[in-house]
Amino acid sequence: MLHRVAAALLGGYAFTWGFTTLGVAGLVALGVDFHEAETALLLLAFLVFLSLFLWAFAAASLVRVWAVLGGGAVCMTVAALALQRVLLT
């Protein structure tokens, strides 16, 4: 049970962080004002985190939960950093 709680909290937070950073960078790249993009994605982040938190307890495989949350977090964060570098140069 402790592993599910850790996956739900830590993995969910990391995935939501990656989702938010990629979303903000993507919207800014499309021409949306930074603060509008940030506000929109932070409002959406609550729903994303809640969904992931609940899914982490409902999923049958703990390995799959860690793979999706950890892998998604890393991929989205790396993509957001790459997009941010493109935008800033």
C-alpha atoms as a PDB file:
ATOM      1  CA  MET A   1       0.000   0.000   0.000  1.00  0.00           C
ATOM      2  CA  LEU A   2       2.896   2.344   0.723  1.00  0.00           C
ATOM      3  CA  HIS A   3       4.149   1.901  -2.851  1.00  0.00           C
ATOM      4  CA  ARG A   4       0.730   2.853  -4.240  1.00  0.00           C
ATOM      5  CA  VAL A   5       0.658   5.979  -2.098  1.00  0.00           C
ATOM      6  CA  ALA A   6       4.168   6.910  -3.243  1.00  0.00           C
ATOM      7  CA  ALA A   7       3.255   6.275  -6.875  1.00  0.00           C
ATOM      8  CA  ALA A   8       0.054   8.277  -6.548  1.00  0.00           C
ATOM      9  CA  LEU A   9       1.694  11.256  -4.852  1.00  0.00           C
ATOM     10  CA  LEU A  10       5.194  11.393  -6.313  1.00  0.00           C
ATOM     11  CA  GLY A  11       4.464   9.926  -9.719  1.00  0.00           C
ATOM     12  CA  GLY A  12       1.258  11.898 -10.086  1.00  0.00           C
ATOM     13  CA  TYR A  13       3.014  15.122  -9.131  1.00  0.00           C
ATOM     14  CA  ALA A  14       5.897  14.507 -11.541  1.00  0.00           C
ATOM     15  CA  PHE A  15       3.539  13.614 -14.398  1.00  0.00           C
ATOM     16  CA  THR A  16       1.406  16.683 -13.708  1.00  0.00           C
ATOM     17  CA  TRP A  17       4.536  18.855 -13.604  1.00  0.00           C
ATOM     18  CA  GLY A  18       5.636  17.557 -16.997  1.00  0.00           C
ATOM     19  CA  PHE A  19       2.135  17.979 -18.423  1.00  0.00           C
ATOM     20  CA  THR A  20       1.937  21.558 -17.176  1.00  0.00           C
ATOM     21  CA  THR A  21       5.377  22.602 -18.388  1.00  0.00           C
ATOM     22  CA  LEU A  22       4.827  21.069 -21.810  1.00  0.00           C
ATOM     23  CA  GLY A  23       1.378  22.623 -22.063  1.00  0.00           C
ATOM     24  CA  VAL A  24       2.574  26.102 -21.111  1.00  0.00           C
ATOM     25  CA  ALA A  25       5.531  25.922 -23.500  1.00  0.00           C
ATOM     26  CA  GLY A  26       3.280  24.612 -26.270  1.00  0.00           C
ATOM     27  CA  LEU A  27       0.680  27.328 -25.808  1.00  0.00           C
ATOM     28  CA  VAL A  28       3.346  30.041 -25.707  1.00  0.00           C
ATOM     29  CA  ALA A  29       4.779  28.619 -28.927  1.00  0.00           C
ATOM     30  CA  LEU A  30       1.306  28.951 -30.452  1.00  0.00           C
ATOM     31  CA  GLY A  31       1.166  32.629 -29.486  1.00  0.00           C
ATOM     32  CA  VAL A  32      -0.834  32.557 -26.254  1.00  0.00           C
ATOM     33  CA  ASP A  33       0.310  34.991 -23.549  1.00  0.00           C
ATOM     34  CA  PHE A  34       2.475  33.259 -20.920  1.00  0.00           C
ATOM     35  CA  HIS A  35       0.286  34.149 -17.943  1.00  0.00           C
ATOM     36  CA  GLU A  36      -2.900  33.056 -19.699  1.00  0.00           C
ATOM     37  CA  ALA A  37      -1.286  29.747 -20.665  1.00  0.00           C
ATOM     38  CA  GLU A  38       0.027  29.266 -17.141  1.00  0.00           C
ATOM     39  CA  THR A  39      -3.355  29.956 -15.549  1.00  0.00           C
ATOM     40  CA  ALA A  40      -5.187  27.647 -17.936  1.00  0.00           C
ATOM     41  CA  LEU A  41      -2.759  24.769 -17.436  1.00  0.00           C
ATOM     42  CA  LEU A  42      -2.622  25.142 -13.664  1.00  0.00           C
ATOM     43  CA  LEU A  43      -6.414  24.932 -13.521  1.00  0.00           C
ATOM     44  CA  LEU A  44      -6.295  21.834 -15.704  1.00  0.00           C
ATOM     45  CA  ALA A  45      -3.422  20.382 -13.646  1.00  0.00           C
ATOM     46  CA  PHE A  46      -5.728  19.888 -10.665  1.00  0.00           C
ATOM     47  CA  LEU A  47      -7.969  17.591 -12.703  1.00  0.00           C
ATOM     48  CA  VAL A  48      -4.997  15.756 -14.203  1.00  0.00           C
ATOM     49  CA  PHE A  49      -3.449  15.120 -10.778  1.00  0.00           C
ATOM     50  CA  LEU A  50      -6.750  13.988  -9.304  1.00  0.00           C
ATOM     51  CA  SER A  51      -7.322  11.562 -12.173  1.00  0.00           C
ATOM     52  CA  LEU A  52      -3.810  10.138 -11.918  1.00  0.00           C
ATOM     53  CA  PHE A  53      -4.057   9.847  -8.144  1.00  0.00           C
ATOM     54  CA  LEU A  54      -7.243   7.819  -8.380  1.00  0.00           C
ATOM     55  CA  TRP A  55      -5.938   5.734 -11.288  1.00  0.00           C
ATOM     56  CA  ALA A  56      -2.803   4.809  -9.314  1.00  0.00           C
ATOM     57  CA  PHE A  57      -5.005   3.041  -6.774  1.00  0.00           C
ATOM     58  CA  ALA A  58      -7.392   1.506  -9.312  1.00  0.00           C
ATOM     59  CA  ALA A  59      -4.763   0.095 -11.694  1.00  0.00           C
ATOM     60  CA  ALA A  60      -4.017  -3.601 -11.446  1.00  0.00           C
ATOM     61  CA  SER A  61      -0.253  -3.366 -12.004  1.00  0.00           C
ATOM     62  CA  LEU A  62       1.956  -1.157  -9.877  1.00  0.00           C
ATOM     63  CA  VAL A  63       4.763  -1.520 -12.428  1.00  0.00           C
ATOM     64  CA  ARG A  64       2.499  -0.097 -15.133  1.00  0.00           C
ATOM     65  CA  VAL A  65       1.579   2.824 -12.864  1.00  0.00           C
ATOM     66  CA  TRP A  66       5.239   3.699 -12.290  1.00  0.00           C
ATOM     67  CA  ALA A  67       6.065   3.231 -15.972  1.00  0.00           C
ATOM     68  CA  VAL A  68       3.270   5.510 -17.158  1.00  0.00           C
ATOM     69  CA  LEU A  69       3.751   8.174 -14.510  1.00  0.00           C
ATOM     70  CA  GLY A  70       7.549   8.145 -14.460  1.00  0.00           C
ATOM     71  CA  GLY A  71       8.006   7.691 -18.193  1.00  0.00           C
ATOM     72  CA  GLY A  72       5.394  10.294 -19.020  1.00  0.00           C
ATOM     73  CA  ALA A  73       6.911  12.761 -16.586  1.00  0.00           C
ATOM     74  CA  VAL A  74      10.407  12.368 -18.025  1.00  0.00           C
ATOM     75  CA  CYS A  75       9.270  12.511 -21.661  1.00  0.00           C
ATOM     76  CA  MET A  76       7.054  15.568 -21.193  1.00  0.00           C
ATOM     77  CA  THR A  77       9.608  17.453 -19.117  1.00  0.00           C
ATOM     78  CA  VAL A  78      12.379  16.813 -21.647  1.00  0.00           C
ATOM     79  CA  ALA A  79      10.084  17.863 -24.495  1.00  0.00           C
ATOM     80  CA  ALA A  80       9.102  21.030 -22.620  1.00  0.00           C
ATOM     81  CA  LEU A  81      12.739  21.930 -21.966  1.00  0.00           C
ATOM     82  CA  ALA A  82      13.603  21.395 -25.631  1.00  0.00           C
ATOM     83  CA  LEU A  83      10.660  23.524 -26.753  1.00  0.00           C
ATOM     84  CA  GLN A  84      11.586  26.221 -24.267  1.00  0.00           C
ATOM     85  CA  ARG A  85      15.152  26.344 -25.612  1.00  0.00           C
ATOM     86  CA  VAL A  86      13.782  26.724 -29.148  1.00  0.00           C
ATOM     87  CA  LEU A  87      11.486  29.537 -28.029  1.00  0.00           C
ATOM     88  CA  LEU A  88      14.232  31.409 -26.193  1.00  0.00           C
ATOM     89  CA  THR A  89      16.761  31.327 -29.039  1.00  0.00           C
END
